[in-house]
Amino acid sequence: MTYGSVSAVAPPRAYQPLATEERCPVFQLLACNLACLAIAGLYYAWRDVHTHRRKRERLNDRVAYMLWVAANRTA
């Protein structure tokens, strides 16, 4: 390598496939996708339960307020 030359980079070597240990097996990709699917499934299940519970609590509060207002009008 000389400092004034245009090509200071080594020439590319021929393509060599990775060793068996260095390859990314399909199992790792599958495991990652399944983990993401499981996390998403747990989140959506929690969200559905939480949303339903919140709607029910809000309805209970509204009914209780309606009964309180009705009781105060008659008293």
C-alpha atoms as a PDB file:
ATOM      1  CA  MET A   1       0.000   0.000   0.000  1.00  0.00           C
ATOM      2  CA  THR A   2       1.424   3.296  -1.041  1.00  0.00           C
ATOM      3  CA  TYR A   3      -0.080   6.545   0.110  1.00  0.00           C
ATOM      4  CA  GLY A   4      -0.381   8.171  -3.268  1.00  0.00           C
ATOM      5  CA  SER A   5      -2.036   5.290  -5.061  1.00  0.00           C
ATOM      6  CA  VAL A   6      -5.689   5.204  -6.055  1.00  0.00           C
ATOM      7  CA  SER A   7      -6.445   1.652  -4.952  1.00  0.00           C
ATOM      8  CA  ALA A   8      -5.298   1.142  -1.380  1.00  0.00           C
ATOM      9  CA  VAL A   9      -7.888  -1.588  -0.771  1.00  0.00           C
ATOM     10  CA  ALA A  10      -7.005  -5.244  -1.093  1.00  0.00           C
ATOM     11  CA  PRO A  11      -8.614  -6.999  -4.045  1.00  0.00           C
ATOM     12  CA  PRO A  12     -11.828  -8.861  -3.204  1.00  0.00           C
ATOM     13  CA  ARG A  13     -11.437 -12.542  -2.516  1.00  0.00           C
ATOM     14  CA  ALA A  14     -13.611 -15.181  -4.089  1.00  0.00           C
ATOM     15  CA  TYR A  15     -16.991 -15.893  -2.496  1.00  0.00           C
ATOM     16  CA  GLN A  16     -16.787 -18.618   0.088  1.00  0.00           C
ATOM     17  CA  PRO A  17     -19.905 -19.952   1.805  1.00  0.00           C
ATOM     18  CA  LEU A  18     -20.028 -19.533   5.563  1.00  0.00           C
ATOM     19  CA  ALA A  19     -19.105 -22.423   7.817  1.00  0.00           C
ATOM     20  CA  THR A  20     -21.962 -24.425   9.333  1.00  0.00           C
ATOM     21  CA  GLU A  21     -21.572 -22.694  12.715  1.00  0.00           C
ATOM     22  CA  GLU A  22     -21.742 -19.228  11.158  1.00  0.00           C
ATOM     23  CA  ARG A  23     -24.913 -19.800   9.132  1.00  0.00           C
ATOM     24  CA  CYS A  24     -28.187 -18.499  10.454  1.00  0.00           C
ATOM     25  CA  PRO A  25     -30.344 -21.597  10.778  1.00  0.00           C
ATOM     26  CA  VAL A  26     -34.021 -21.539  10.013  1.00  0.00           C
ATOM     27  CA  PHE A  27     -34.766 -22.500  13.611  1.00  0.00           C
ATOM     28  CA  GLN A  28     -33.428 -19.183  14.918  1.00  0.00           C
ATOM     29  CA  LEU A  29     -35.599 -17.230  12.508  1.00  0.00           C
ATOM     30  CA  LEU A  30     -38.603 -19.356  13.390  1.00  0.00           C
ATOM     31  CA  ALA A  31     -37.975 -18.947  17.119  1.00  0.00           C
ATOM     32  CA  CYS A  32     -37.727 -15.167  16.763  1.00  0.00           C
ATOM     33  CA  ASN A  33     -40.964 -14.993  14.776  1.00  0.00           C
ATOM     34  CA  LEU A  34     -42.774 -17.239  17.245  1.00  0.00           C
ATOM     35  CA  ALA A  35     -41.571 -15.101  20.153  1.00  0.00           C
ATOM     36  CA  CYS A  36     -42.885 -11.966  18.448  1.00  0.00           C
ATOM     37  CA  LEU A  37     -46.182 -13.699  17.734  1.00  0.00           C
ATOM     38  CA  ALA A  38     -46.513 -14.819  21.358  1.00  0.00           C
ATOM     39  CA  ILE A  39     -45.802 -11.311  22.674  1.00  0.00           C
ATOM     40  CA  ALA A  40     -48.310  -9.778  20.274  1.00  0.00           C
ATOM     41  CA  GLY A  41     -50.921 -12.387  21.198  1.00  0.00           C
ATOM     42  CA  LEU A  42     -50.470 -11.749  24.914  1.00  0.00           C
ATOM     43  CA  TYR A  43     -50.722  -7.995  24.402  1.00  0.00           C
ATOM     44  CA  TYR A  44     -53.899  -8.213  22.317  1.00  0.00           C
ATOM     45  CA  ALA A  45     -55.517 -10.608  24.812  1.00  0.00           C
ATOM     46  CA  TRP A  46     -54.652  -8.257  27.689  1.00  0.00           C
ATOM     47  CA  ARG A  47     -55.930  -5.255  25.744  1.00  0.00           C
ATOM     48  CA  ASP A  48     -59.268  -6.937  24.989  1.00  0.00           C
ATOM     49  CA  VAL A  49     -59.811  -7.891  28.640  1.00  0.00           C
ATOM     50  CA  HIS A  50     -58.697  -4.481  29.896  1.00  0.00           C
ATOM     51  CA  THR A  51     -60.913  -2.593  27.423  1.00  0.00           C
ATOM     52  CA  HIS A  52     -63.950  -4.729  28.297  1.00  0.00           C
ATOM     53  CA  ARG A  53     -63.352  -4.238  32.021  1.00  0.00           C
ATOM     54  CA  ARG A  54     -62.942  -0.483  31.586  1.00  0.00           C
ATOM     55  CA  LYS A  55     -66.202  -0.215  29.612  1.00  0.00           C
ATOM     56  CA  ARG A  56     -68.032  -2.197  32.294  1.00  0.00           C
ATOM     57  CA  GLU A  57     -66.622   0.004  35.086  1.00  0.00           C
ATOM     58  CA  ARG A  58     -67.601   3.155  33.211  1.00  0.00           C
ATOM     59  CA  LEU A  59     -71.143   1.831  32.726  1.00  0.00           C
ATOM     60  CA  ASN A  60     -71.380   0.966  36.435  1.00  0.00           C
ATOM     61  CA  ASP A  61     -70.266   4.501  37.353  1.00  0.00           C
ATOM     62  CA  ARG A  62     -72.836   6.049  35.027  1.00  0.00           C
ATOM     63  CA  VAL A  63     -75.667   3.899  36.371  1.00  0.00           C
ATOM     64  CA  ALA A  64     -74.663   4.712  39.953  1.00  0.00           C
ATOM     65  CA  TYR A  65     -74.623   8.441  39.135  1.00  0.00           C
ATOM     66  CA  MET A  66     -78.013   8.182  37.407  1.00  0.00           C
ATOM     67  CA  LEU A  67     -79.508   6.468  40.475  1.00  0.00           C
ATOM     68  CA  TRP A  68     -77.917   9.048  42.800  1.00  0.00           C
ATOM     69  CA  VAL A  69     -79.396  11.933  40.764  1.00  0.00           C
ATOM     70  CA  ALA A  70     -82.813  10.243  40.666  1.00  0.00           C
ATOM     71  CA  ALA A  71     -82.729   9.649  44.443  1.00  0.00           C
ATOM     72  CA  ASN A  72     -81.793  13.284  45.128  1.00  0.00           C
ATOM     73  CA  ARG A  73     -84.689  14.546  42.977  1.00  0.00           C
ATOM     74  CA  THR A  74     -87.258  12.557  44.920  1.00  0.00           C
ATOM     75  CA  ALA A  75     -85.859  13.521  48.325  1.00  0.00           C
END
